[in-house]
Amino acid sequence: MTIRNETDLINLIKEDEAMMNVLRIVKSLDLPDWWVCAGFVRSKIWDVLHGFNKKTVVPDIDVIYFYQKEKDESKDEKLEEKLRSIAPHIPWSVKNQARMHKVNDFLPYSSSFDAISKFPETATALGIKLSDWENVILAAPYGIEDAINLQIKPTPSFINNKKGLAIHEERIVKKDWKSTWNKIEIHHL
């Protein structure tokens, strides 16, 4: 199967009952400016493009939201506990993006979409969520071209800073994507 555009990707997600279930569970929390993102979306794309019949297990399901008024990490831990009580088999990871800019020494983010745009790789800078009518909404600040063309490239935020380039290279080694998806092409800078 091929993925040519965002509509194809959204349709694939709609057809994936496990992904839709994750989205419904997260939506039930009613978090401000929420998304399920990163490897959750990228792995679906790469699994399909590699012709895998079975989903690749991701180490965590990244749930992000943006709430400026309460940035305490303990809130994220409570949300993870709540998600585990609903779906204990899912490796939840919840992060309020109002504080996550500090991880990479960036300026504060203005929204979850802004945070997604500051993710390390363009193929990972993807998020999905459900509208009130259960339509899948895609956040793709750099489009989906790199993901569907199996390209690993740093986002502009990581290209333009020395620490970012080091993080990009560390992630390539740590994530070892090529051992799972052998058709991807990694761009070192």
N, C-alpha and C. Protein backbone atom coordinates (compact mmCIF):
# COMPACT_ATOMS: atom_id res chain seq x y z
N MET A 1 0.84 -1.19 0.00
CA MET A 1 0.00 0.00 0.00
C MET A 1 0.89 1.25 0.00
N THR A 2 0.41 2.25 -0.64
CA THR A 2 1.15 3.51 -0.67
C THR A 2 0.38 4.60 0.07
N ILE A 3 1.12 5.56 0.53
CA ILE A 3 0.55 6.74 1.16
C ILE A 3 1.05 7.91 0.31
N ARG A 4 0.13 8.55 -0.38
CA ARG A 4 0.52 9.63 -1.28
C ARG A 4 0.35 11.01 -0.67
N ASN A 5 -0.57 11.11 0.29
CA ASN A 5 -0.89 12.44 0.81
C ASN A 5 -1.52 12.33 2.20
N GLU A 6 -1.86 13.47 2.76
CA GLU A 6 -2.42 13.51 4.11
C GLU A 6 -3.77 12.80 4.19
N THR A 7 -4.56 12.88 3.13
CA THR A 7 -5.86 12.19 3.11
C THR A 7 -5.66 10.68 3.22
N ASP A 8 -4.69 10.14 2.48
CA ASP A 8 -4.39 8.70 2.58
C ASP A 8 -4.00 8.33 4.01
N LEU A 9 -3.17 9.16 4.63
CA LEU A 9 -2.74 8.88 6.00
C LEU A 9 -3.92 8.92 6.96
N ILE A 10 -4.75 9.93 6.86
CA ILE A 10 -5.91 10.03 7.75
C ILE A 10 -6.83 8.83 7.57
N ASN A 11 -7.04 8.40 6.33
CA ASN A 11 -7.87 7.22 6.09
C ASN A 11 -7.28 5.96 6.69
N LEU A 12 -5.96 5.81 6.60
CA LEU A 12 -5.29 4.66 7.23
C LEU A 12 -5.51 4.66 8.74
N ILE A 13 -5.40 5.82 9.33
CA ILE A 13 -5.59 5.92 10.79
C ILE A 13 -7.04 5.59 11.15
N LYS A 14 -7.99 6.11 10.37
CA LYS A 14 -9.41 5.83 10.64
C LYS A 14 -9.71 4.34 10.56
N GLU A 15 -9.00 3.63 9.69
CA GLU A 15 -9.21 2.18 9.52
C GLU A 15 -8.52 1.35 10.59
N ASP A 16 -7.65 1.97 11.37
CA ASP A 16 -6.88 1.27 12.40
C ASP A 16 -7.61 1.42 13.74
N GLU A 17 -8.35 0.39 14.12
CA GLU A 17 -9.19 0.47 15.32
C GLU A 17 -8.35 0.71 16.58
N ALA A 18 -7.16 0.14 16.65
CA ALA A 18 -6.30 0.35 17.83
C ALA A 18 -5.90 1.82 17.95
N MET A 19 -5.53 2.43 16.83
CA MET A 19 -5.16 3.85 16.86
C MET A 19 -6.37 4.71 17.23
N MET A 20 -7.51 4.40 16.65
CA MET A 20 -8.72 5.16 16.95
C MET A 20 -9.09 5.02 18.43
N ASN A 21 -8.89 3.84 18.98
CA ASN A 21 -9.18 3.62 20.40
C ASN A 21 -8.27 4.50 21.27
N VAL A 22 -6.98 4.56 20.93
CA VAL A 22 -6.05 5.43 21.66
C VAL A 22 -6.54 6.88 21.59
N LEU A 23 -6.93 7.32 20.40
CA LEU A 23 -7.40 8.70 20.25
C LEU A 23 -8.67 8.95 21.07
N ARG A 24 -9.58 8.00 21.08
CA ARG A 24 -10.81 8.16 21.88
C ARG A 24 -10.51 8.24 23.37
N ILE A 25 -9.58 7.40 23.82
CA ILE A 25 -9.21 7.41 25.24
C ILE A 25 -8.62 8.76 25.63
N VAL A 26 -7.68 9.25 24.83
CA VAL A 26 -7.04 10.53 25.15
C VAL A 26 -8.06 11.66 25.06
N LYS A 27 -8.91 11.63 24.07
CA LYS A 27 -9.95 12.66 23.93
C LYS A 27 -10.84 12.72 25.17
N SER A 28 -11.08 11.56 25.78
CA SER A 28 -11.96 11.50 26.96
C SER A 28 -11.40 12.30 28.15
N LEU A 29 -10.10 12.57 28.15
CA LEU A 29 -9.49 13.35 29.22
C LEU A 29 -9.81 14.84 29.10
N ASP A 30 -10.23 15.25 27.92
CA ASP A 30 -10.58 16.65 27.67
C ASP A 30 -9.43 17.61 28.00
N LEU A 31 -8.23 17.25 27.58
CA LEU A 31 -7.05 18.08 27.81
C LEU A 31 -7.04 19.27 26.85
N PRO A 32 -6.49 20.40 27.28
CA PRO A 32 -6.39 21.55 26.37
C PRO A 32 -5.30 21.31 25.32
N ASP A 33 -5.64 21.59 24.07
CA ASP A 33 -4.68 21.55 22.96
C ASP A 33 -3.91 20.23 22.94
N TRP A 34 -4.63 19.11 22.95
CA TRP A 34 -4.01 17.79 23.03
C TRP A 34 -3.73 17.19 21.65
N TRP A 35 -2.73 16.31 21.61
CA TRP A 35 -2.38 15.54 20.41
C TRP A 35 -1.73 14.24 20.85
N VAL A 36 -1.85 13.21 20.05
CA VAL A 36 -1.05 12.00 20.18
C VAL A 36 -0.07 12.08 19.02
N CYS A 37 1.21 11.94 19.31
CA CYS A 37 2.16 12.34 18.28
C CYS A 37 3.39 11.45 18.17
N ALA A 38 4.30 11.93 17.35
CA ALA A 38 5.64 11.38 17.15
C ALA A 38 5.59 9.95 16.60
N GLY A 39 6.24 9.02 17.30
CA GLY A 39 6.36 7.65 16.81
C GLY A 39 5.05 6.95 16.59
N PHE A 40 4.02 7.33 17.31
CA PHE A 40 2.69 6.74 17.14
C PHE A 40 2.21 6.91 15.70
N VAL A 41 2.45 8.07 15.12
CA VAL A 41 2.03 8.35 13.75
C VAL A 41 3.09 7.86 12.76
N ARG A 42 4.33 8.23 13.02
CA ARG A 42 5.43 7.88 12.10
C ARG A 42 5.55 6.37 11.91
N SER A 43 5.44 5.61 13.00
CA SER A 43 5.57 4.15 12.90
C SER A 43 4.47 3.54 12.05
N LYS A 44 3.27 4.08 12.14
CA LYS A 44 2.17 3.61 11.29
C LYS A 44 2.54 3.79 9.82
N ILE A 45 3.06 4.96 9.48
CA ILE A 45 3.44 5.24 8.09
C ILE A 45 4.52 4.26 7.64
N TRP A 46 5.56 4.13 8.44
CA TRP A 46 6.68 3.28 8.03
C TRP A 46 6.31 1.81 7.99
N ASP A 47 5.46 1.37 8.92
CA ASP A 47 5.01 -0.03 8.88
C ASP A 47 4.27 -0.32 7.59
N VAL A 48 3.37 0.58 7.20
CA VAL A 48 2.60 0.40 5.96
C VAL A 48 3.53 0.40 4.76
N LEU A 49 4.45 1.35 4.71
CA LEU A 49 5.34 1.46 3.56
C LEU A 49 6.36 0.32 3.47
N HIS A 50 6.58 -0.35 4.59
CA HIS A 50 7.46 -1.52 4.59
C HIS A 50 6.68 -2.82 4.39
N GLY A 51 5.37 -2.72 4.29
CA GLY A 51 4.55 -3.90 4.05
C GLY A 51 4.41 -4.81 5.25
N PHE A 52 4.61 -4.28 6.45
CA PHE A 52 4.49 -5.11 7.65
C PHE A 52 3.03 -5.50 7.88
N ASN A 53 2.80 -6.75 8.22
CA ASN A 53 1.45 -7.22 8.54
C ASN A 53 1.13 -6.99 10.01
N LYS A 54 2.17 -6.86 10.81
CA LYS A 54 2.00 -6.65 12.25
C LYS A 54 2.60 -5.30 12.62
N LYS A 55 1.92 -4.59 13.52
CA LYS A 55 2.41 -3.28 13.96
C LYS A 55 3.73 -3.40 14.71
N THR A 56 4.60 -2.46 14.47
CA THR A 56 5.82 -2.36 15.26
C THR A 56 5.44 -1.81 16.64
N VAL A 57 5.95 -2.43 17.66
CA VAL A 57 5.68 -1.97 19.02
C VAL A 57 6.48 -0.69 19.26
N VAL A 58 5.79 0.36 19.69
CA VAL A 58 6.48 1.60 20.01
C VAL A 58 6.74 1.63 21.51
N PRO A 59 7.87 2.24 21.93
CA PRO A 59 8.21 2.24 23.35
C PRO A 59 7.24 3.03 24.22
N ASP A 60 6.58 4.02 23.61
CA ASP A 60 5.59 4.79 24.36
C ASP A 60 4.63 5.47 23.40
N ILE A 61 3.49 5.82 23.93
CA ILE A 61 2.49 6.59 23.19
C ILE A 61 2.58 8.00 23.74
N ASP A 62 3.09 8.91 22.90
CA ASP A 62 3.31 10.29 23.31
C ASP A 62 2.02 11.10 23.23
N VAL A 63 1.55 11.53 24.39
CA VAL A 63 0.38 12.39 24.50
C VAL A 63 0.88 13.75 24.95
N ILE A 64 0.56 14.77 24.17
CA ILE A 64 0.97 16.12 24.56
C ILE A 64 -0.26 17.00 24.70
N TYR A 65 -0.10 18.03 25.49
CA TYR A 65 -1.14 19.05 25.63
C TYR A 65 -0.44 20.34 26.00
N PHE A 66 -1.19 21.45 25.98
CA PHE A 66 -0.60 22.73 26.30
C PHE A 66 -1.49 23.44 27.31
N TYR A 67 -0.93 23.62 28.51
CA TYR A 67 -1.68 24.31 29.57
C TYR A 67 -0.70 25.17 30.34
N GLN A 68 -0.75 26.45 30.07
CA GLN A 68 0.20 27.41 30.62
C GLN A 68 0.07 27.59 32.13
N LYS A 69 -1.13 27.44 32.67
CA LYS A 69 -1.37 27.77 34.07
C LYS A 69 -0.83 26.75 35.06
N GLU A 70 -0.67 25.51 34.63
CA GLU A 70 -0.16 24.48 35.55
C GLU A 70 0.90 23.65 34.84
N LYS A 71 2.16 23.95 35.13
CA LYS A 71 3.26 23.30 34.42
C LYS A 71 3.94 22.22 35.24
N ASP A 72 3.42 21.91 36.41
CA ASP A 72 4.04 20.95 37.30
C ASP A 72 4.03 19.55 36.68
N GLU A 73 5.17 18.90 36.68
CA GLU A 73 5.32 17.57 36.09
C GLU A 73 4.42 16.53 36.78
N SER A 74 4.08 16.76 38.04
CA SER A 74 3.23 15.80 38.76
C SER A 74 1.84 15.69 38.12
N LYS A 75 1.38 16.75 37.47
CA LYS A 75 0.10 16.71 36.75
C LYS A 75 0.18 15.70 35.60
N ASP A 76 1.31 15.70 34.89
CA ASP A 76 1.51 14.74 33.80
C ASP A 76 1.51 13.31 34.34
N GLU A 77 2.16 13.11 35.48
CA GLU A 77 2.20 11.78 36.08
C GLU A 77 0.81 11.30 36.48
N LYS A 78 -0.02 12.20 36.99
CA LYS A 78 -1.40 11.85 37.35
C LYS A 78 -2.21 11.50 36.10
N LEU A 79 -1.97 12.22 35.03
CA LEU A 79 -2.67 11.91 33.78
C LEU A 79 -2.23 10.56 33.23
N GLU A 80 -0.95 10.24 33.34
CA GLU A 80 -0.47 8.92 32.92
C GLU A 80 -1.14 7.82 33.75
N GLU A 81 -1.24 8.05 35.06
CA GLU A 81 -1.91 7.07 35.93
C GLU A 81 -3.36 6.88 35.50
N LYS A 82 -4.03 7.96 35.20
CA LYS A 82 -5.43 7.88 34.77
C LYS A 82 -5.54 7.08 33.47
N LEU A 83 -4.66 7.37 32.53
CA LEU A 83 -4.66 6.63 31.26
C LEU A 83 -4.37 5.15 31.49
N ARG A 84 -3.42 4.85 32.38
CA ARG A 84 -3.11 3.45 32.68
C ARG A 84 -4.29 2.74 33.33
N SER A 85 -5.09 3.47 34.10
CA SER A 85 -6.27 2.85 34.71
C SER A 85 -7.32 2.51 33.65
N ILE A 86 -7.34 3.27 32.57
CA ILE A 86 -8.28 3.00 31.47
C ILE A 86 -7.73 1.92 30.54
N ALA A 87 -6.45 2.01 30.20
CA ALA A 87 -5.82 1.09 29.26
C ALA A 87 -4.42 0.74 29.77
N PRO A 88 -4.33 -0.20 30.70
CA PRO A 88 -3.04 -0.52 31.33
C PRO A 88 -2.00 -1.14 30.39
N HIS A 89 -2.41 -1.68 29.28
CA HIS A 89 -1.50 -2.32 28.34
C HIS A 89 -0.77 -1.33 27.42
N ILE A 90 -1.15 -0.05 27.51
CA ILE A 90 -0.56 0.96 26.63
C ILE A 90 0.52 1.74 27.41
N PRO A 91 1.72 1.88 26.82
CA PRO A 91 2.80 2.63 27.49
C PRO A 91 2.65 4.14 27.32
N TRP A 92 1.85 4.74 28.16
CA TRP A 92 1.54 6.17 28.04
C TRP A 92 2.70 7.06 28.47
N SER A 93 2.86 8.17 27.77
CA SER A 93 3.80 9.22 28.16
C SER A 93 3.10 10.55 27.91
N VAL A 94 2.87 11.31 28.98
CA VAL A 94 2.12 12.56 28.88
C VAL A 94 3.03 13.72 29.24
N LYS A 95 3.01 14.75 28.39
CA LYS A 95 3.86 15.92 28.65
C LYS A 95 3.12 17.22 28.30
N ASN A 96 3.10 18.12 29.27
CA ASN A 96 2.57 19.46 29.04
C ASN A 96 3.65 20.25 28.30
N GLN A 97 3.34 20.67 27.09
CA GLN A 97 4.33 21.36 26.26
C GLN A 97 4.62 22.79 26.72
N ALA A 98 3.87 23.26 27.69
CA ALA A 98 4.13 24.61 28.22
C ALA A 98 5.46 24.65 28.98
N ARG A 99 6.01 23.49 29.32
CA ARG A 99 7.30 23.47 30.02
C ARG A 99 8.39 22.72 29.25
N MET A 100 8.05 22.04 28.19
CA MET A 100 9.00 21.15 27.53
C MET A 100 10.06 21.86 26.68
N HIS A 101 9.88 23.15 26.43
CA HIS A 101 10.90 23.90 25.68
C HIS A 101 12.25 23.88 26.40
N LYS A 102 12.21 23.73 27.72
CA LYS A 102 13.44 23.75 28.52
C LYS A 102 14.36 22.57 28.22
N VAL A 103 13.78 21.46 27.78
CA VAL A 103 14.56 20.25 27.52
C VAL A 103 15.67 20.51 26.50
N ASN A 104 15.35 21.28 25.46
CA ASN A 104 16.32 21.55 24.41
C ASN A 104 16.79 23.01 24.37
N ASP A 105 16.57 23.73 25.47
CA ASP A 105 16.98 25.14 25.56
C ASP A 105 16.38 26.00 24.46
N PHE A 106 15.08 25.81 24.19
CA PHE A 106 14.37 26.63 23.22
C PHE A 106 13.59 27.72 23.94
N LEU A 107 13.13 28.69 23.19
CA LEU A 107 12.21 29.68 23.74
C LEU A 107 10.88 28.98 24.06
N PRO A 108 10.09 29.53 24.97
CA PRO A 108 8.81 28.89 25.31
C PRO A 108 7.93 28.68 24.07
N TYR A 109 7.23 27.55 24.06
CA TYR A 109 6.30 27.25 22.98
C TYR A 109 5.01 28.02 23.19
N SER A 110 4.31 28.30 22.11
CA SER A 110 3.04 29.02 22.18
C SER A 110 1.83 28.10 22.13
N SER A 111 2.05 26.84 21.74
CA SER A 111 0.97 25.88 21.59
C SER A 111 1.56 24.49 21.41
N SER A 112 0.71 23.50 21.39
CA SER A 112 1.19 22.15 21.10
C SER A 112 1.69 22.04 19.66
N PHE A 113 1.01 22.70 18.72
CA PHE A 113 1.47 22.67 17.33
C PHE A 113 2.88 23.27 17.23
N ASP A 114 3.12 24.37 17.93
CA ASP A 114 4.45 24.97 17.96
C ASP A 114 5.46 23.98 18.52
N ALA A 115 5.08 23.26 19.56
CA ALA A 115 5.98 22.25 20.15
C ALA A 115 6.28 21.14 19.15
N ILE A 116 5.26 20.67 18.44
CA ILE A 116 5.46 19.62 17.44
C ILE A 116 6.45 20.11 16.37
N SER A 117 6.37 21.37 16.03
CA SER A 117 7.28 21.92 15.02
C SER A 117 8.73 21.94 15.51
N LYS A 118 8.91 21.79 16.82
CA LYS A 118 10.25 21.80 17.40
C LYS A 118 10.74 20.38 17.75
N PHE A 119 9.99 19.36 17.32
CA PHE A 119 10.45 17.99 17.52
C PHE A 119 11.74 17.79 16.72
N PRO A 120 12.56 16.81 17.07
CA PRO A 120 13.86 16.67 16.41
C PRO A 120 13.86 16.36 14.92
N GLU A 121 12.96 15.48 14.45
CA GLU A 121 12.97 15.09 13.04
C GLU A 121 11.65 15.47 12.36
N THR A 122 11.75 15.81 11.09
CA THR A 122 10.56 16.16 10.33
C THR A 122 9.59 14.97 10.25
N ALA A 123 10.11 13.76 10.13
CA ALA A 123 9.25 12.57 10.02
C ALA A 123 8.57 12.25 11.35
N THR A 124 9.06 12.81 12.43
CA THR A 124 8.48 12.60 13.76
C THR A 124 7.61 13.78 14.18
N ALA A 125 7.73 14.88 13.50
CA ALA A 125 6.97 16.09 13.83
C ALA A 125 5.54 15.97 13.29
N LEU A 126 4.83 15.00 13.84
CA LEU A 126 3.47 14.69 13.41
C LEU A 126 2.61 14.46 14.63
N GLY A 127 1.37 14.90 14.56
CA GLY A 127 0.43 14.65 15.64
C GLY A 127 -0.96 14.41 15.08
N ILE A 128 -1.77 13.68 15.82
CA ILE A 128 -3.16 13.45 15.43
C ILE A 128 -4.05 13.59 16.65
N LYS A 129 -5.29 13.95 16.39
CA LYS A 129 -6.30 13.99 17.44
C LYS A 129 -7.66 13.86 16.79
N LEU A 130 -8.69 13.78 17.62
CA LEU A 130 -10.06 13.68 17.12
C LEU A 130 -10.80 14.98 17.35
N SER A 131 -11.60 15.34 16.37
CA SER A 131 -12.50 16.49 16.54
C SER A 131 -13.69 16.02 17.38
N ASP A 132 -14.57 16.92 17.69
CA ASP A 132 -15.78 16.56 18.43
C ASP A 132 -16.64 15.57 17.66
N TRP A 133 -16.49 15.50 16.35
CA TRP A 133 -17.28 14.61 15.51
C TRP A 133 -16.49 13.38 15.10
N GLU A 134 -15.41 13.09 15.81
CA GLU A 134 -14.55 11.93 15.56
C GLU A 134 -13.85 11.97 14.20
N ASN A 135 -13.65 13.15 13.68
CA ASN A 135 -12.80 13.29 12.50
C ASN A 135 -11.35 13.33 12.97
N VAL A 136 -10.47 12.65 12.24
CA VAL A 136 -9.05 12.67 12.57
C VAL A 136 -8.45 13.96 12.03
N ILE A 137 -7.76 14.68 12.91
CA ILE A 137 -7.09 15.93 12.55
C ILE A 137 -5.59 15.67 12.62
N LEU A 138 -4.88 16.10 11.61
CA LEU A 138 -3.44 15.88 11.51
C LEU A 138 -2.69 17.18 11.69
N ALA A 139 -1.67 17.17 12.53
CA ALA A 139 -0.73 18.28 12.66
C ALA A 139 0.57 17.84 12.01
N ALA A 140 0.97 18.54 10.97
CA ALA A 140 2.20 18.19 10.26
C ALA A 140 2.89 19.49 9.82
N PRO A 141 3.60 20.13 10.75
CA PRO A 141 4.20 21.43 10.43
C PRO A 141 5.14 21.41 9.23
N TYR A 142 5.73 20.26 8.92
CA TYR A 142 6.63 20.15 7.77
C TYR A 142 6.05 19.26 6.69
N GLY A 143 4.75 19.00 6.78
CA GLY A 143 4.11 18.09 5.84
C GLY A 143 4.45 16.65 6.18
N ILE A 144 4.02 15.73 5.35
CA ILE A 144 4.30 14.32 5.60
C ILE A 144 5.28 13.73 4.58
N GLU A 145 5.80 14.58 3.71
CA GLU A 145 6.66 14.10 2.63
C GLU A 145 7.87 13.31 3.13
N ASP A 146 8.58 13.84 4.13
CA ASP A 146 9.75 13.11 4.63
C ASP A 146 9.35 11.78 5.23
N ALA A 147 8.25 11.74 5.95
CA ALA A 147 7.79 10.48 6.54
C ALA A 147 7.42 9.47 5.45
N ILE A 148 6.67 9.90 4.44
CA ILE A 148 6.25 8.95 3.41
C ILE A 148 7.36 8.62 2.41
N ASN A 149 8.38 9.46 2.38
CA ASN A 149 9.55 9.17 1.54
C ASN A 149 10.66 8.49 2.34
N LEU A 150 10.33 8.12 3.59
CA LEU A 150 11.24 7.36 4.45
C LEU A 150 12.55 8.10 4.72
N GLN A 151 12.45 9.39 4.94
CA GLN A 151 13.61 10.24 5.17
C GLN A 151 13.67 10.69 6.63
N ILE A 152 14.84 10.56 7.24
CA ILE A 152 15.08 11.09 8.59
C ILE A 152 15.96 12.33 8.44
N LYS A 153 15.33 13.48 8.69
CA LYS A 153 16.04 14.76 8.61
C LYS A 153 15.71 15.58 9.85
N PRO A 154 16.65 16.37 10.33
CA PRO A 154 16.33 17.23 11.48
C PRO A 154 15.41 18.38 11.08
N THR A 155 14.60 18.82 12.02
CA THR A 155 13.75 20.00 11.79
C THR A 155 14.63 21.25 11.82
N PRO A 156 14.14 22.36 11.30
CA PRO A 156 14.94 23.60 11.32
C PRO A 156 15.43 23.99 12.71
N SER A 157 14.65 23.74 13.75
CA SER A 157 15.07 24.08 15.11
C SER A 157 16.31 23.32 15.54
N PHE A 158 16.48 22.13 15.00
CA PHE A 158 17.65 21.32 15.35
C PHE A 158 18.81 21.56 14.42
N ILE A 159 18.53 21.94 13.19
CA ILE A 159 19.61 22.26 12.25
C ILE A 159 20.32 23.53 12.69
N ASN A 160 19.57 24.46 13.19
CA ASN A 160 20.10 25.79 13.49
C ASN A 160 20.71 25.92 14.88
N ASN A 161 21.00 24.81 15.52
CA ASN A 161 21.66 24.94 16.82
C ASN A 161 22.55 23.73 17.07
N LYS A 162 23.72 24.01 17.60
CA LYS A 162 24.76 23.00 17.77
C LYS A 162 24.29 21.84 18.66
N LYS A 163 23.64 22.18 19.76
CA LYS A 163 23.11 21.16 20.65
C LYS A 163 22.08 20.30 19.91
N GLY A 164 21.26 20.94 19.08
CA GLY A 164 20.23 20.23 18.32
C GLY A 164 20.82 19.20 17.38
N LEU A 165 21.90 19.55 16.71
CA LEU A 165 22.54 18.60 15.80
C LEU A 165 23.10 17.40 16.56
N ALA A 166 23.66 17.66 17.74
CA ALA A 166 24.17 16.56 18.56
C ALA A 166 23.02 15.65 19.01
N ILE A 167 21.90 16.25 19.39
CA ILE A 167 20.73 15.47 19.79
C ILE A 167 20.22 14.63 18.62
N HIS A 168 20.20 15.22 17.43
CA HIS A 168 19.77 14.50 16.22
C HIS A 168 20.63 13.26 16.02
N GLU A 169 21.93 13.43 16.10
CA GLU A 169 22.84 12.29 15.89
C GLU A 169 22.69 11.25 17.01
N GLU A 170 22.52 11.70 18.24
CA GLU A 170 22.32 10.76 19.36
C GLU A 170 21.04 9.95 19.17
N ARG A 171 20.00 10.60 18.71
CA ARG A 171 18.72 9.91 18.50
C ARG A 171 18.82 8.86 17.40
N ILE A 172 19.59 9.16 16.36
CA ILE A 172 19.77 8.19 15.28
C ILE A 172 20.37 6.89 15.84
N VAL A 173 21.35 7.03 16.71
CA VAL A 173 21.98 5.85 17.31
C VAL A 173 21.03 5.18 18.30
N LYS A 174 20.46 5.96 19.20
CA LYS A 174 19.60 5.42 20.26
C LYS A 174 18.34 4.74 19.70
N LYS A 175 17.69 5.40 18.76
CA LYS A 175 16.43 4.87 18.22
C LYS A 175 16.65 3.69 17.28
N ASP A 176 17.78 3.66 16.60
CA ASP A 176 18.14 2.56 15.71
C ASP A 176 16.99 2.19 14.76
N TRP A 177 16.35 3.21 14.17
CA TRP A 177 15.20 3.00 13.30
C TRP A 177 15.49 2.04 12.15
N LYS A 178 16.71 2.14 11.61
CA LYS A 178 17.05 1.35 10.42
C LYS A 178 17.00 -0.16 10.69
N SER A 179 17.20 -0.57 11.92
CA SER A 179 17.13 -2.01 12.22
C SER A 179 15.70 -2.53 12.13
N THR A 180 14.72 -1.66 12.29
CA THR A 180 13.32 -2.06 12.16
C THR A 180 12.79 -1.75 10.76
N TRP A 181 13.08 -0.56 10.27
CA TRP A 181 12.59 -0.12 8.95
C TRP A 181 13.80 0.08 8.04
N ASN A 182 14.21 -0.97 7.36
CA ASN A 182 15.48 -0.94 6.62
C ASN A 182 15.48 -0.06 5.37
N LYS A 183 14.30 0.39 4.94
CA LYS A 183 14.24 1.23 3.73
C LYS A 183 14.44 2.72 4.02
N ILE A 184 14.46 3.10 5.30
CA ILE A 184 14.59 4.53 5.59
C ILE A 184 15.99 5.03 5.22
N GLU A 185 16.05 6.32 4.94
CA GLU A 185 17.33 6.97 4.62
C GLU A 185 17.59 8.03 5.70
N ILE A 186 18.73 7.92 6.33
CA ILE A 186 19.09 8.84 7.41
C ILE A 186 20.01 9.92 6.88
N HIS A 187 19.66 11.16 7.18
CA HIS A 187 20.48 12.30 6.76
C HIS A 187 21.27 12.80 7.96
N HIS A 188 22.58 12.67 7.88
CA HIS A 188 23.48 13.19 8.91
C HIS A 188 23.92 14.58 8.49
N LEU A 189 24.02 15.47 9.45
CA LEU A 189 24.45 16.83 9.11
C LEU A 189 25.76 17.18 9.80
